[in-house]
Amino acid sequence: MNEKDVQTESKKIFLIMLLFFCLIGLILKNLAYPLGVIVGYIICYINFILTIKFSHTILQEGHHILLIILMFMLKLFLMIVGFMIAVIWKEYVHLLSVFFGYLITPITIHWLNLKTRKEMK
């Protein structure tokens, strides 16, 4: 499994989750649910790309503790921004769906691990 596989599969899982939250939004007559998933996935995707870039930089230049701390702080700041968007504009972006948007990449990684284990057997 590499980052291209995760990016490709995460887009598929994002579409499935977006469809699910669109249905919830239609039932509850609230557009904030699918918009929250979109906001959460965008931030999650940016965090994933930043992780890849920082990892390549750390591996090429050596172990820099300051760069690792900066990476984690930047990723946490981006996640706080997503939650703050949901808190400030709660009528447009739902907080719980932002949280589920954040989970798309970890779900994708677990899905790909499960898939590769089944293929190995």
N, C-alpha and C. Protein backbone atom coordinates (compact mmCIF):
# COMPACT_ATOMS: atom_id res chain seq x y z
N MET A 1 0.85 -1.17 0.00
CA MET A 1 0.00 0.00 0.00
C MET A 1 0.90 1.24 0.00
N ASN A 2 0.59 2.18 -0.88
CA ASN A 2 1.32 3.44 -0.90
C ASN A 2 0.33 4.60 -0.85
N GLU A 3 0.87 5.82 -0.87
CA GLU A 3 -0.01 6.98 -0.71
C GLU A 3 -0.98 7.17 -1.87
N LYS A 4 -0.60 6.73 -3.06
CA LYS A 4 -1.51 6.84 -4.21
C LYS A 4 -2.73 5.95 -4.02
N ASP A 5 -2.51 4.75 -3.48
CA ASP A 5 -3.63 3.85 -3.20
C ASP A 5 -4.57 4.47 -2.17
N VAL A 6 -3.98 5.06 -1.14
CA VAL A 6 -4.80 5.68 -0.09
C VAL A 6 -5.59 6.85 -0.67
N GLN A 7 -4.96 7.66 -1.51
CA GLN A 7 -5.66 8.80 -2.10
C GLN A 7 -6.80 8.35 -3.00
N THR A 8 -6.56 7.33 -3.81
CA THR A 8 -7.60 6.83 -4.72
C THR A 8 -8.77 6.23 -3.95
N GLU A 9 -8.46 5.36 -2.99
CA GLU A 9 -9.52 4.71 -2.22
C GLU A 9 -10.25 5.70 -1.31
N SER A 10 -9.54 6.71 -0.80
CA SER A 10 -10.20 7.66 0.09
C SER A 10 -11.24 8.48 -0.67
N LYS A 11 -11.01 8.72 -1.94
CA LYS A 11 -12.01 9.44 -2.74
C LYS A 11 -13.28 8.60 -2.89
N LYS A 12 -13.11 7.29 -3.05
CA LYS A 12 -14.28 6.40 -3.15
C LYS A 12 -15.05 6.37 -1.83
N ILE A 13 -14.32 6.24 -0.73
CA ILE A 13 -14.97 6.21 0.58
C ILE A 13 -15.61 7.55 0.89
N PHE A 14 -14.97 8.64 0.45
CA PHE A 14 -15.56 9.96 0.62
C PHE A 14 -16.90 10.06 -0.11
N LEU A 15 -16.96 9.56 -1.33
CA LEU A 15 -18.22 9.62 -2.08
C LEU A 15 -19.31 8.79 -1.41
N ILE A 16 -18.96 7.63 -0.88
CA ILE A 16 -19.94 6.80 -0.17
C ILE A 16 -20.44 7.52 1.08
N MET A 17 -19.50 8.10 1.85
CA MET A 17 -19.89 8.80 3.06
C MET A 17 -20.68 10.07 2.73
N LEU A 18 -20.30 10.75 1.65
CA LEU A 18 -21.04 11.94 1.24
C LEU A 18 -22.47 11.58 0.84
N LEU A 19 -22.64 10.48 0.13
CA LEU A 19 -23.97 10.03 -0.25
C LEU A 19 -24.80 9.71 0.99
N PHE A 20 -24.19 9.05 1.97
CA PHE A 20 -24.88 8.74 3.22
C PHE A 20 -25.32 10.02 3.93
N PHE A 21 -24.44 11.00 4.03
CA PHE A 21 -24.79 12.24 4.73
C PHE A 21 -25.73 13.11 3.89
N CYS A 22 -25.72 12.95 2.58
CA CYS A 22 -26.72 13.63 1.75
C CYS A 22 -28.11 13.07 2.05
N LEU A 23 -28.19 11.76 2.21
CA LEU A 23 -29.47 11.15 2.57
C LEU A 23 -29.93 11.63 3.94
N ILE A 24 -29.01 11.69 4.89
CA ILE A 24 -29.37 12.22 6.21
C ILE A 24 -29.82 13.67 6.09
N GLY A 25 -29.10 14.44 5.28
CA GLY A 25 -29.47 15.83 5.07
C GLY A 25 -30.83 15.98 4.42
N LEU A 26 -31.17 15.09 3.49
CA LEU A 26 -32.50 15.13 2.87
C LEU A 26 -33.60 14.76 3.86
N ILE A 27 -33.33 13.75 4.66
CA ILE A 27 -34.32 13.33 5.65
C ILE A 27 -34.57 14.44 6.68
N LEU A 28 -33.48 15.04 7.16
CA LEU A 28 -33.61 16.08 8.18
C LEU A 28 -33.77 17.49 7.59
N LYS A 29 -33.76 17.57 6.26
CA LYS A 29 -33.89 18.85 5.54
C LYS A 29 -32.85 19.86 6.02
N ASN A 30 -31.59 19.41 6.02
CA ASN A 30 -30.50 20.24 6.49
C ASN A 30 -29.26 19.97 5.63
N LEU A 31 -28.80 20.98 4.92
CA LEU A 31 -27.65 20.85 4.03
C LEU A 31 -26.33 20.83 4.79
N ALA A 32 -26.36 21.11 6.09
CA ALA A 32 -25.13 21.20 6.88
C ALA A 32 -24.43 19.84 7.01
N TYR A 33 -25.16 18.75 6.92
CA TYR A 33 -24.56 17.42 7.06
C TYR A 33 -23.59 17.10 5.92
N PRO A 34 -24.00 17.18 4.66
CA PRO A 34 -23.03 16.90 3.60
C PRO A 34 -21.92 17.94 3.52
N LEU A 35 -22.22 19.20 3.83
CA LEU A 35 -21.18 20.22 3.80
C LEU A 35 -20.12 19.96 4.87
N GLY A 36 -20.53 19.45 6.01
CA GLY A 36 -19.58 19.11 7.06
C GLY A 36 -18.62 18.00 6.64
N VAL A 37 -19.15 17.00 5.94
CA VAL A 37 -18.29 15.92 5.44
C VAL A 37 -17.30 16.47 4.43
N ILE A 38 -17.74 17.37 3.58
CA ILE A 38 -16.85 17.96 2.59
C ILE A 38 -15.73 18.75 3.27
N VAL A 39 -16.09 19.58 4.23
CA VAL A 39 -15.08 20.35 4.97
C VAL A 39 -14.11 19.41 5.69
N GLY A 40 -14.64 18.41 6.36
CA GLY A 40 -13.79 17.46 7.09
C GLY A 40 -12.85 16.70 6.16
N TYR A 41 -13.35 16.28 5.00
CA TYR A 41 -12.51 15.53 4.07
C TYR A 41 -11.42 16.41 3.47
N ILE A 42 -11.76 17.64 3.14
CA ILE A 42 -10.75 18.55 2.57
C ILE A 42 -9.60 18.74 3.57
N ILE A 43 -9.94 18.98 4.82
CA ILE A 43 -8.89 19.17 5.83
C ILE A 43 -8.13 17.87 6.07
N CYS A 44 -8.83 16.76 6.09
CA CYS A 44 -8.18 15.46 6.27
C CYS A 44 -7.24 15.18 5.10
N TYR A 45 -7.64 15.50 3.90
CA TYR A 45 -6.81 15.28 2.71
C TYR A 45 -5.57 16.18 2.75
N ILE A 46 -5.75 17.43 3.15
CA ILE A 46 -4.61 18.34 3.29
C ILE A 46 -3.64 17.81 4.34
N ASN A 47 -4.16 17.32 5.46
CA ASN A 47 -3.31 16.73 6.49
C ASN A 47 -2.54 15.53 5.98
N PHE A 48 -3.18 14.71 5.16
CA PHE A 48 -2.52 13.54 4.61
C PHE A 48 -1.38 13.95 3.67
N ILE A 49 -1.64 14.94 2.82
CA ILE A 49 -0.60 15.43 1.91
C ILE A 49 0.55 16.04 2.70
N LEU A 50 0.24 16.81 3.75
CA LEU A 50 1.29 17.38 4.59
C LEU A 50 2.12 16.29 5.27
N THR A 51 1.47 15.23 5.71
CA THR A 51 2.19 14.12 6.32
C THR A 51 3.17 13.49 5.33
N ILE A 52 2.73 13.32 4.10
CA ILE A 52 3.60 12.75 3.06
C ILE A 52 4.79 13.67 2.81
N LYS A 53 4.53 14.96 2.63
CA LYS A 53 5.60 15.92 2.34
C LYS A 53 6.60 15.99 3.51
N PHE A 54 6.09 16.12 4.73
CA PHE A 54 6.98 16.20 5.88
C PHE A 54 7.76 14.91 6.06
N SER A 55 7.14 13.77 5.81
CA SER A 55 7.84 12.49 5.97
C SER A 55 9.00 12.38 4.98
N HIS A 56 8.76 12.79 3.74
CA HIS A 56 9.85 12.76 2.75
C HIS A 56 10.98 13.71 3.14
N THR A 57 10.61 14.87 3.64
CA THR A 57 11.62 15.85 4.07
C THR A 57 12.43 15.31 5.25
N ILE A 58 11.76 14.73 6.22
CA ILE A 58 12.45 14.19 7.40
C ILE A 58 13.37 13.04 7.00
N LEU A 59 12.90 12.17 6.09
CA LEU A 59 13.73 11.04 5.67
C LEU A 59 14.94 11.49 4.86
N GLN A 60 14.80 12.55 4.06
CA GLN A 60 15.91 13.01 3.24
C GLN A 60 16.94 13.79 4.05
N GLU A 61 16.48 14.63 4.96
CA GLU A 61 17.39 15.51 5.70
C GLU A 61 17.82 14.94 7.04
N GLY A 62 17.19 13.91 7.49
CA GLY A 62 17.53 13.35 8.78
C GLY A 62 16.47 13.66 9.82
N HIS A 63 16.71 13.23 11.01
CA HIS A 63 15.74 13.33 12.10
C HIS A 63 15.82 14.72 12.73
N HIS A 64 14.82 15.56 12.47
CA HIS A 64 14.75 16.89 13.06
C HIS A 64 13.52 16.96 13.95
N ILE A 65 13.74 17.01 15.23
CA ILE A 65 12.63 17.00 16.19
C ILE A 65 11.77 18.24 16.05
N LEU A 66 12.37 19.37 15.72
CA LEU A 66 11.61 20.61 15.56
C LEU A 66 10.65 20.50 14.37
N LEU A 67 11.10 19.88 13.30
CA LEU A 67 10.24 19.70 12.14
C LEU A 67 9.08 18.75 12.45
N ILE A 68 9.33 17.73 13.22
CA ILE A 68 8.27 16.80 13.60
C ILE A 68 7.24 17.51 14.48
N ILE A 69 7.70 18.31 15.43
CA ILE A 69 6.79 19.06 16.29
C ILE A 69 5.98 20.04 15.46
N LEU A 70 6.63 20.73 14.54
CA LEU A 70 5.94 21.67 13.66
C LEU A 70 4.87 20.97 12.83
N MET A 71 5.19 19.78 12.32
CA MET A 71 4.23 19.02 11.52
C MET A 71 2.98 18.69 12.34
N PHE A 72 3.17 18.18 13.54
CA PHE A 72 2.02 17.82 14.36
C PHE A 72 1.21 19.05 14.78
N MET A 73 1.89 20.14 15.08
CA MET A 73 1.18 21.36 15.45
C MET A 73 0.36 21.90 14.28
N LEU A 74 0.94 21.86 13.09
CA LEU A 74 0.22 22.33 11.90
C LEU A 74 -1.00 21.46 11.62
N LYS A 75 -0.84 20.15 11.75
CA LYS A 75 -1.96 19.24 11.53
C LYS A 75 -3.07 19.46 12.56
N LEU A 76 -2.69 19.64 13.81
CA LEU A 76 -3.68 19.90 14.86
C LEU A 76 -4.38 21.24 14.63
N PHE A 77 -3.62 22.24 14.20
CA PHE A 77 -4.20 23.55 13.92
C PHE A 77 -5.24 23.44 12.80
N LEU A 78 -4.93 22.69 11.76
CA LEU A 78 -5.90 22.52 10.66
C LEU A 78 -7.17 21.83 11.15
N MET A 79 -7.03 20.85 12.01
CA MET A 79 -8.22 20.17 12.53
C MET A 79 -9.03 21.10 13.42
N ILE A 80 -8.36 21.94 14.19
CA ILE A 80 -9.07 22.93 15.00
C ILE A 80 -9.82 23.91 14.11
N VAL A 81 -9.20 24.30 13.00
CA VAL A 81 -9.87 25.21 12.06
C VAL A 81 -11.16 24.59 11.54
N GLY A 82 -11.11 23.31 11.19
CA GLY A 82 -12.32 22.63 10.71
C GLY A 82 -13.42 22.60 11.74
N PHE A 83 -13.05 22.29 12.97
CA PHE A 83 -14.06 22.28 14.03
C PHE A 83 -14.58 23.68 14.33
N MET A 84 -13.71 24.67 14.26
CA MET A 84 -14.14 26.05 14.50
C MET A 84 -15.09 26.53 13.40
N ILE A 85 -14.85 26.11 12.17
CA ILE A 85 -15.78 26.43 11.08
C ILE A 85 -17.16 25.87 11.42
N ALA A 86 -17.18 24.64 11.91
CA ALA A 86 -18.46 24.01 12.26
C ALA A 86 -19.12 24.67 13.45
N VAL A 87 -18.32 25.16 14.39
CA VAL A 87 -18.90 25.83 15.57
C VAL A 87 -19.41 27.22 15.20
N ILE A 88 -18.64 27.95 14.43
CA ILE A 88 -19.02 29.33 14.08
C ILE A 88 -20.20 29.35 13.11
N TRP A 89 -20.15 28.51 12.08
CA TRP A 89 -21.22 28.47 11.08
C TRP A 89 -22.02 27.17 11.21
N LYS A 90 -22.57 26.94 12.42
CA LYS A 90 -23.26 25.68 12.68
C LYS A 90 -24.51 25.48 11.84
N GLU A 91 -25.09 26.54 11.32
CA GLU A 91 -26.27 26.36 10.46
C GLU A 91 -25.87 25.90 9.05
N TYR A 92 -24.59 26.03 8.70
CA TYR A 92 -24.12 25.62 7.37
C TYR A 92 -23.26 24.36 7.39
N VAL A 93 -22.54 24.12 8.48
CA VAL A 93 -21.62 22.99 8.58
C VAL A 93 -21.88 22.28 9.90
N HIS A 94 -22.19 21.00 9.83
CA HIS A 94 -22.51 20.23 11.04
C HIS A 94 -21.23 19.66 11.65
N LEU A 95 -21.08 19.81 12.96
CA LEU A 95 -19.88 19.41 13.69
C LEU A 95 -19.62 17.91 13.60
N LEU A 96 -20.64 17.09 13.78
CA LEU A 96 -20.46 15.64 13.75
C LEU A 96 -20.04 15.15 12.36
N SER A 97 -20.57 15.76 11.33
CA SER A 97 -20.18 15.33 9.99
C SER A 97 -18.75 15.77 9.65
N VAL A 98 -18.27 16.87 10.23
CA VAL A 98 -16.86 17.25 10.07
C VAL A 98 -15.99 16.17 10.71
N PHE A 99 -16.39 15.71 11.88
CA PHE A 99 -15.67 14.64 12.56
C PHE A 99 -15.60 13.39 11.69
N PHE A 100 -16.71 13.00 11.08
CA PHE A 100 -16.71 11.82 10.21
C PHE A 100 -15.89 12.07 8.95
N GLY A 101 -15.84 13.31 8.48
CA GLY A 101 -14.97 13.65 7.35
C GLY A 101 -13.50 13.46 7.70
N TYR A 102 -13.15 13.77 8.95
CA TYR A 102 -11.78 13.55 9.41
C TYR A 102 -11.42 12.08 9.44
N LEU A 103 -12.39 11.21 9.60
CA LEU A 103 -12.13 9.78 9.72
C LEU A 103 -11.96 9.06 8.39
N ILE A 104 -12.15 9.75 7.28
CA ILE A 104 -12.12 9.08 5.98
C ILE A 104 -10.75 8.48 5.69
N THR A 105 -9.68 9.21 5.89
CA THR A 105 -8.35 8.67 5.61
C THR A 105 -7.99 7.51 6.55
N PRO A 106 -8.21 7.62 7.87
CA PRO A 106 -7.93 6.44 8.71
C PRO A 106 -8.78 5.22 8.34
N ILE A 107 -10.04 5.44 7.99
CA ILE A 107 -10.89 4.33 7.54
C ILE A 107 -10.32 3.72 6.27
N THR A 108 -9.85 4.57 5.37
CA THR A 108 -9.27 4.09 4.11
C THR A 108 -8.03 3.24 4.37
N ILE A 109 -7.17 3.70 5.26
CA ILE A 109 -5.95 2.94 5.56
C ILE A 109 -6.30 1.58 6.16
N HIS A 110 -7.25 1.54 7.07
CA HIS A 110 -7.67 0.25 7.64
C HIS A 110 -8.33 -0.64 6.59
N TRP A 111 -9.11 -0.05 5.71
CA TRP A 111 -9.76 -0.80 4.63
C TRP A 111 -8.71 -1.43 3.70
N LEU A 112 -7.70 -0.65 3.33
CA LEU A 112 -6.66 -1.18 2.44
C LEU A 112 -5.83 -2.26 3.14
N ASN A 113 -5.57 -2.10 4.43
CA ASN A 113 -4.86 -3.15 5.16
C ASN A 113 -5.67 -4.44 5.19
N LEU A 114 -6.94 -4.32 5.44
CA LEU A 114 -7.81 -5.50 5.45
C LEU A 114 -7.86 -6.15 4.06
N LYS A 115 -7.93 -5.33 3.03
CA LYS A 115 -8.00 -5.82 1.66
C LYS A 115 -6.71 -6.55 1.27
N THR A 116 -5.56 -6.00 1.64
CA THR A 116 -4.30 -6.65 1.29
C THR A 116 -4.10 -7.93 2.08
N ARG A 117 -4.59 -7.98 3.31
CA ARG A 117 -4.48 -9.22 4.09
C ARG A 117 -5.31 -10.33 3.47
N LYS A 118 -6.50 -9.97 2.97
CA LYS A 118 -7.34 -10.98 2.34
C LYS A 118 -6.74 -11.47 1.04
N GLU A 119 -6.06 -10.57 0.31
CA GLU A 119 -5.43 -10.97 -0.95
C GLU A 119 -4.22 -11.88 -0.71
N MET A 120 -3.56 -11.72 0.41
CA MET A 120 -2.39 -12.54 0.72
C MET A 120 -2.76 -13.97 1.08
N LYS A 121 -3.96 -14.19 1.58
CA LYS A 121 -4.37 -15.53 2.00
C LYS A 121 -4.74 -16.39 0.85
